[in-house]
Amino acid sequence: MTGQMLECARAEALFVSLIQRSDPYSAAAVREAVRRSVGRHGSRGCAALVAHEYGEHPDVAVGRMSWALDTVRGAFPTVAPAMTMPAAVCRGRAPANLP
């Protein structure tokens, strides 16, 4: 999995987690939420839930994915800035394209 794909998968996992933008959270809490989401749904399941939310609530999903990407980038600083991708790339990936 490339750094870009990993960043996207983490953002999708955070997107479907119980953490809300309005909640106080730490980088450790974000990492734990990502771990729990992937453990509960798997990476494909997280992507499927993200796709479902875009279908049901596209107006809200756009903001949540932008927040999730920004938050993941802060909590997992291992992805080099040159390797980051815009939110549109993560939103446009179909669940079948996940590893």
N, C-alpha and C. Protein backbone atom coordinates (compact mmCIF):
# COMPACT_ATOMS: atom_id res chain seq x y z
N MET A 1 0.86 -1.17 0.00
CA MET A 1 0.00 0.00 0.00
C MET A 1 0.90 1.23 0.00
N THR A 2 0.65 2.13 -0.92
CA THR A 2 1.45 3.36 -1.00
C THR A 2 1.07 4.31 0.14
N GLY A 3 1.91 5.32 0.34
CA GLY A 3 1.61 6.32 1.37
C GLY A 3 0.29 7.02 1.11
N GLN A 4 0.02 7.28 -0.16
CA GLN A 4 -1.24 7.96 -0.51
C GLN A 4 -2.44 7.07 -0.20
N MET A 5 -2.34 5.79 -0.54
CA MET A 5 -3.44 4.88 -0.28
C MET A 5 -3.66 4.70 1.22
N LEU A 6 -2.56 4.64 1.96
CA LEU A 6 -2.66 4.49 3.41
C LEU A 6 -3.32 5.72 4.02
N GLU A 7 -2.93 6.89 3.55
CA GLU A 7 -3.55 8.12 4.05
C GLU A 7 -5.05 8.13 3.76
N CYS A 8 -5.42 7.72 2.57
CA CYS A 8 -6.83 7.65 2.19
C CYS A 8 -7.59 6.64 3.07
N ALA A 9 -7.01 5.47 3.25
CA ALA A 9 -7.66 4.45 4.06
C ALA A 9 -7.83 4.92 5.50
N ARG A 10 -6.83 5.60 6.03
CA ARG A 10 -6.94 6.14 7.39
C ARG A 10 -8.03 7.20 7.47
N ALA A 11 -8.10 8.06 6.47
CA ALA A 11 -9.13 9.10 6.46
C ALA A 11 -10.52 8.48 6.38
N GLU A 12 -10.66 7.44 5.57
CA GLU A 12 -11.96 6.76 5.48
C GLU A 12 -12.33 6.12 6.82
N ALA A 13 -11.34 5.53 7.48
CA ALA A 13 -11.60 4.92 8.78
C ALA A 13 -12.00 5.98 9.82
N LEU A 14 -11.33 7.11 9.80
CA LEU A 14 -11.70 8.19 10.72
C LEU A 14 -13.08 8.74 10.38
N PHE A 15 -13.37 8.86 9.09
CA PHE A 15 -14.66 9.34 8.62
C PHE A 15 -15.80 8.52 9.23
N VAL A 16 -15.65 7.20 9.30
CA VAL A 16 -16.72 6.33 9.80
C VAL A 16 -16.63 6.08 11.30
N SER A 17 -15.64 6.70 11.95
CA SER A 17 -15.48 6.51 13.40
C SER A 17 -16.52 7.33 14.16
N LEU A 18 -16.50 7.15 15.48
CA LEU A 18 -17.42 7.88 16.35
C LEU A 18 -16.94 9.28 16.69
N ILE A 19 -15.69 9.62 16.35
CA ILE A 19 -15.17 10.95 16.65
C ILE A 19 -15.86 11.99 15.77
N GLN A 20 -16.27 13.07 16.40
CA GLN A 20 -16.90 14.18 15.69
C GLN A 20 -15.95 15.37 15.68
N ARG A 21 -16.10 16.21 14.66
CA ARG A 21 -15.25 17.41 14.57
C ARG A 21 -15.37 18.28 15.81
N SER A 22 -16.54 18.30 16.41
CA SER A 22 -16.78 19.17 17.56
C SER A 22 -16.23 18.58 18.87
N ASP A 23 -15.84 17.31 18.86
CA ASP A 23 -15.30 16.66 20.05
C ASP A 23 -13.86 17.09 20.30
N PRO A 24 -13.47 17.18 21.59
CA PRO A 24 -12.05 17.36 21.86
C PRO A 24 -11.36 16.00 21.65
N TYR A 25 -10.26 15.98 20.91
CA TYR A 25 -9.57 14.73 20.65
C TYR A 25 -8.08 15.01 20.49
N SER A 26 -7.30 13.98 20.78
CA SER A 26 -5.84 14.07 20.65
C SER A 26 -5.41 13.22 19.45
N ALA A 27 -4.16 13.35 19.07
CA ALA A 27 -3.63 12.53 17.98
C ALA A 27 -3.73 11.05 18.35
N ALA A 28 -3.48 10.73 19.61
CA ALA A 28 -3.59 9.34 20.05
C ALA A 28 -5.02 8.83 19.93
N ALA A 29 -5.99 9.67 20.25
CA ALA A 29 -7.40 9.28 20.13
C ALA A 29 -7.78 9.06 18.67
N VAL A 30 -7.24 9.87 17.79
CA VAL A 30 -7.49 9.71 16.35
C VAL A 30 -6.91 8.39 15.87
N ARG A 31 -5.68 8.10 16.25
CA ARG A 31 -5.05 6.84 15.85
C ARG A 31 -5.84 5.65 16.37
N GLU A 32 -6.32 5.74 17.60
CA GLU A 32 -7.12 4.65 18.17
C GLU A 32 -8.46 4.51 17.43
N ALA A 33 -9.09 5.62 17.09
CA ALA A 33 -10.36 5.57 16.36
C ALA A 33 -10.17 4.93 14.99
N VAL A 34 -9.08 5.25 14.32
CA VAL A 34 -8.77 4.64 13.02
C VAL A 34 -8.58 3.14 13.20
N ARG A 35 -7.81 2.76 14.20
CA ARG A 35 -7.56 1.34 14.47
C ARG A 35 -8.87 0.59 14.73
N ARG A 36 -9.72 1.18 15.54
CA ARG A 36 -11.00 0.53 15.86
C ARG A 36 -11.91 0.43 14.64
N SER A 37 -11.97 1.47 13.83
CA SER A 37 -12.81 1.43 12.64
C SER A 37 -12.35 0.35 11.67
N VAL A 38 -11.04 0.28 11.46
CA VAL A 38 -10.51 -0.75 10.56
C VAL A 38 -10.74 -2.13 11.16
N GLY A 39 -10.58 -2.26 12.46
CA GLY A 39 -10.84 -3.54 13.11
C GLY A 39 -12.29 -3.96 13.01
N ARG A 40 -13.18 -3.02 13.10
CA ARG A 40 -14.62 -3.30 13.06
C ARG A 40 -15.12 -3.55 11.65
N HIS A 41 -14.68 -2.72 10.69
CA HIS A 41 -15.25 -2.77 9.34
C HIS A 41 -14.29 -3.29 8.27
N GLY A 42 -12.99 -3.28 8.54
CA GLY A 42 -12.00 -3.56 7.51
C GLY A 42 -11.86 -2.34 6.60
N SER A 43 -10.78 -2.28 5.82
CA SER A 43 -10.59 -1.11 4.97
C SER A 43 -11.66 -1.01 3.89
N ARG A 44 -12.07 -2.13 3.33
CA ARG A 44 -13.12 -2.11 2.30
C ARG A 44 -14.46 -1.71 2.91
N GLY A 45 -14.72 -2.17 4.11
CA GLY A 45 -15.97 -1.80 4.78
C GLY A 45 -16.03 -0.31 5.09
N CYS A 46 -14.89 0.25 5.52
CA CYS A 46 -14.85 1.70 5.76
C CYS A 46 -15.12 2.46 4.47
N ALA A 47 -14.50 2.03 3.37
CA ALA A 47 -14.71 2.68 2.08
C ALA A 47 -16.17 2.57 1.65
N ALA A 48 -16.78 1.43 1.88
CA ALA A 48 -18.19 1.24 1.52
C ALA A 48 -19.09 2.17 2.33
N LEU A 49 -18.79 2.32 3.62
CA LEU A 49 -19.59 3.21 4.46
C LEU A 49 -19.42 4.67 4.04
N VAL A 50 -18.21 5.04 3.64
CA VAL A 50 -17.97 6.40 3.14
C VAL A 50 -18.80 6.61 1.88
N ALA A 51 -18.77 5.65 0.97
CA ALA A 51 -19.54 5.76 -0.28
C ALA A 51 -21.03 5.90 0.02
N HIS A 52 -21.50 5.14 0.98
CA HIS A 52 -22.91 5.22 1.37
C HIS A 52 -23.26 6.62 1.88
N GLU A 53 -22.40 7.16 2.73
CA GLU A 53 -22.66 8.50 3.26
C GLU A 53 -22.64 9.55 2.16
N TYR A 54 -21.76 9.41 1.17
CA TYR A 54 -21.75 10.35 0.05
C TYR A 54 -23.04 10.25 -0.74
N GLY A 55 -23.60 9.05 -0.83
CA GLY A 55 -24.87 8.88 -1.52
C GLY A 55 -26.04 9.45 -0.74
N GLU A 56 -26.03 9.27 0.57
CA GLU A 56 -27.14 9.71 1.42
C GLU A 56 -27.05 11.18 1.82
N HIS A 57 -25.86 11.64 2.15
CA HIS A 57 -25.67 13.00 2.68
C HIS A 57 -24.43 13.65 2.07
N PRO A 58 -24.43 13.88 0.76
CA PRO A 58 -23.23 14.43 0.13
C PRO A 58 -22.81 15.79 0.66
N ASP A 59 -23.77 16.60 1.08
CA ASP A 59 -23.45 17.93 1.59
C ASP A 59 -22.65 17.86 2.89
N VAL A 60 -22.92 16.89 3.71
CA VAL A 60 -22.21 16.73 4.98
C VAL A 60 -20.93 15.93 4.79
N ALA A 61 -20.96 14.96 3.89
CA ALA A 61 -19.82 14.07 3.69
C ALA A 61 -18.59 14.81 3.20
N VAL A 62 -18.77 15.80 2.35
CA VAL A 62 -17.63 16.55 1.82
C VAL A 62 -16.83 17.20 2.96
N GLY A 63 -17.52 17.88 3.84
CA GLY A 63 -16.85 18.53 4.97
C GLY A 63 -16.21 17.53 5.91
N ARG A 64 -16.89 16.41 6.15
CA ARG A 64 -16.34 15.40 7.06
C ARG A 64 -15.07 14.78 6.47
N MET A 65 -15.05 14.52 5.16
CA MET A 65 -13.85 13.93 4.56
C MET A 65 -12.69 14.92 4.59
N SER A 66 -12.97 16.18 4.34
CA SER A 66 -11.90 17.19 4.41
C SER A 66 -11.33 17.24 5.82
N TRP A 67 -12.21 17.22 6.81
CA TRP A 67 -11.77 17.21 8.21
C TRP A 67 -10.97 15.94 8.50
N ALA A 68 -11.46 14.79 8.03
CA ALA A 68 -10.79 13.51 8.30
C ALA A 68 -9.38 13.50 7.70
N LEU A 69 -9.23 13.99 6.49
CA LEU A 69 -7.90 14.03 5.87
C LEU A 69 -6.96 14.96 6.63
N ASP A 70 -7.42 16.14 6.97
CA ASP A 70 -6.59 17.07 7.72
C ASP A 70 -6.19 16.48 9.07
N THR A 71 -7.14 15.83 9.73
CA THR A 71 -6.90 15.27 11.05
C THR A 71 -5.94 14.09 10.98
N VAL A 72 -6.12 13.23 9.98
CA VAL A 72 -5.21 12.10 9.79
C VAL A 72 -3.79 12.60 9.50
N ARG A 73 -3.67 13.64 8.71
CA ARG A 73 -2.35 14.18 8.40
C ARG A 73 -1.65 14.70 9.66
N GLY A 74 -2.42 15.21 10.61
CA GLY A 74 -1.84 15.67 11.86
C GLY A 74 -1.53 14.54 12.83
N ALA A 75 -2.33 13.49 12.80
CA ALA A 75 -2.15 12.38 13.74
C ALA A 75 -1.14 11.34 13.26
N PHE A 76 -0.96 11.26 11.94
CA PHE A 76 -0.03 10.31 11.34
C PHE A 76 0.94 11.09 10.45
N PRO A 77 1.90 11.78 11.04
CA PRO A 77 2.77 12.66 10.25
C PRO A 77 3.83 11.93 9.42
N THR A 78 3.67 10.63 9.19
CA THR A 78 4.68 9.88 8.45
C THR A 78 4.55 10.02 6.94
N VAL A 79 3.42 10.46 6.43
CA VAL A 79 3.25 10.64 5.00
C VAL A 79 3.87 11.97 4.61
N ALA A 80 4.82 11.94 3.70
CA ALA A 80 5.51 13.15 3.28
C ALA A 80 4.53 14.11 2.62
N PRO A 81 4.65 15.43 2.88
CA PRO A 81 3.73 16.40 2.29
C PRO A 81 3.62 16.30 0.77
N ALA A 82 4.70 15.96 0.09
CA ALA A 82 4.66 15.85 -1.37
C ALA A 82 3.81 14.67 -1.81
N MET A 83 3.54 13.74 -0.90
CA MET A 83 2.77 12.55 -1.26
C MET A 83 1.30 12.69 -0.90
N THR A 84 0.90 13.78 -0.28
CA THR A 84 -0.49 13.92 0.12
C THR A 84 -1.37 14.16 -1.09
N MET A 85 -2.64 13.85 -0.92
CA MET A 85 -3.58 14.00 -2.02
C MET A 85 -4.77 14.84 -1.59
N PRO A 86 -5.44 15.47 -2.51
CA PRO A 86 -6.61 16.25 -2.16
C PRO A 86 -7.76 15.34 -1.75
N ALA A 87 -8.70 15.89 -1.00
CA ALA A 87 -9.85 15.13 -0.53
C ALA A 87 -10.63 14.52 -1.69
N ALA A 88 -10.67 15.17 -2.83
CA ALA A 88 -11.43 14.67 -3.97
C ALA A 88 -10.92 13.31 -4.42
N VAL A 89 -9.63 13.05 -4.28
CA VAL A 89 -9.09 11.76 -4.69
C VAL A 89 -9.62 10.67 -3.78
N CYS A 90 -9.62 10.92 -2.47
CA CYS A 90 -10.14 9.92 -1.54
C CYS A 90 -11.63 9.72 -1.73
N ARG A 91 -12.35 10.79 -1.96
CA ARG A 91 -13.79 10.67 -2.15
C ARG A 91 -14.13 9.92 -3.42
N GLY A 92 -13.28 10.04 -4.45
CA GLY A 92 -13.60 9.43 -5.72
C GLY A 92 -13.22 7.98 -5.85
N ARG A 93 -12.54 7.43 -4.87
CA ARG A 93 -12.10 6.04 -4.95
C ARG A 93 -13.24 5.10 -4.63
N ALA A 94 -13.53 4.20 -5.50
CA ALA A 94 -14.60 3.22 -5.29
C ALA A 94 -14.13 2.15 -4.32
N PRO A 95 -15.02 1.58 -3.51
CA PRO A 95 -14.64 0.55 -2.56
C PRO A 95 -13.90 -0.62 -3.20
N ALA A 96 -14.22 -0.98 -4.44
CA ALA A 96 -13.57 -2.12 -5.10
C ALA A 96 -12.09 -1.85 -5.38
N ASN A 97 -11.68 -0.60 -5.37
CA ASN A 97 -10.29 -0.26 -5.66
C ASN A 97 -9.38 -0.38 -4.47
N LEU A 98 -9.92 -0.67 -3.31
CA LEU A 98 -9.08 -0.80 -2.13
C LEU A 98 -8.35 -2.12 -2.14
N PRO A 99 -7.16 -2.14 -1.57
CA PRO A 99 -6.41 -3.41 -1.51
C PRO A 99 -7.06 -4.37 -0.55
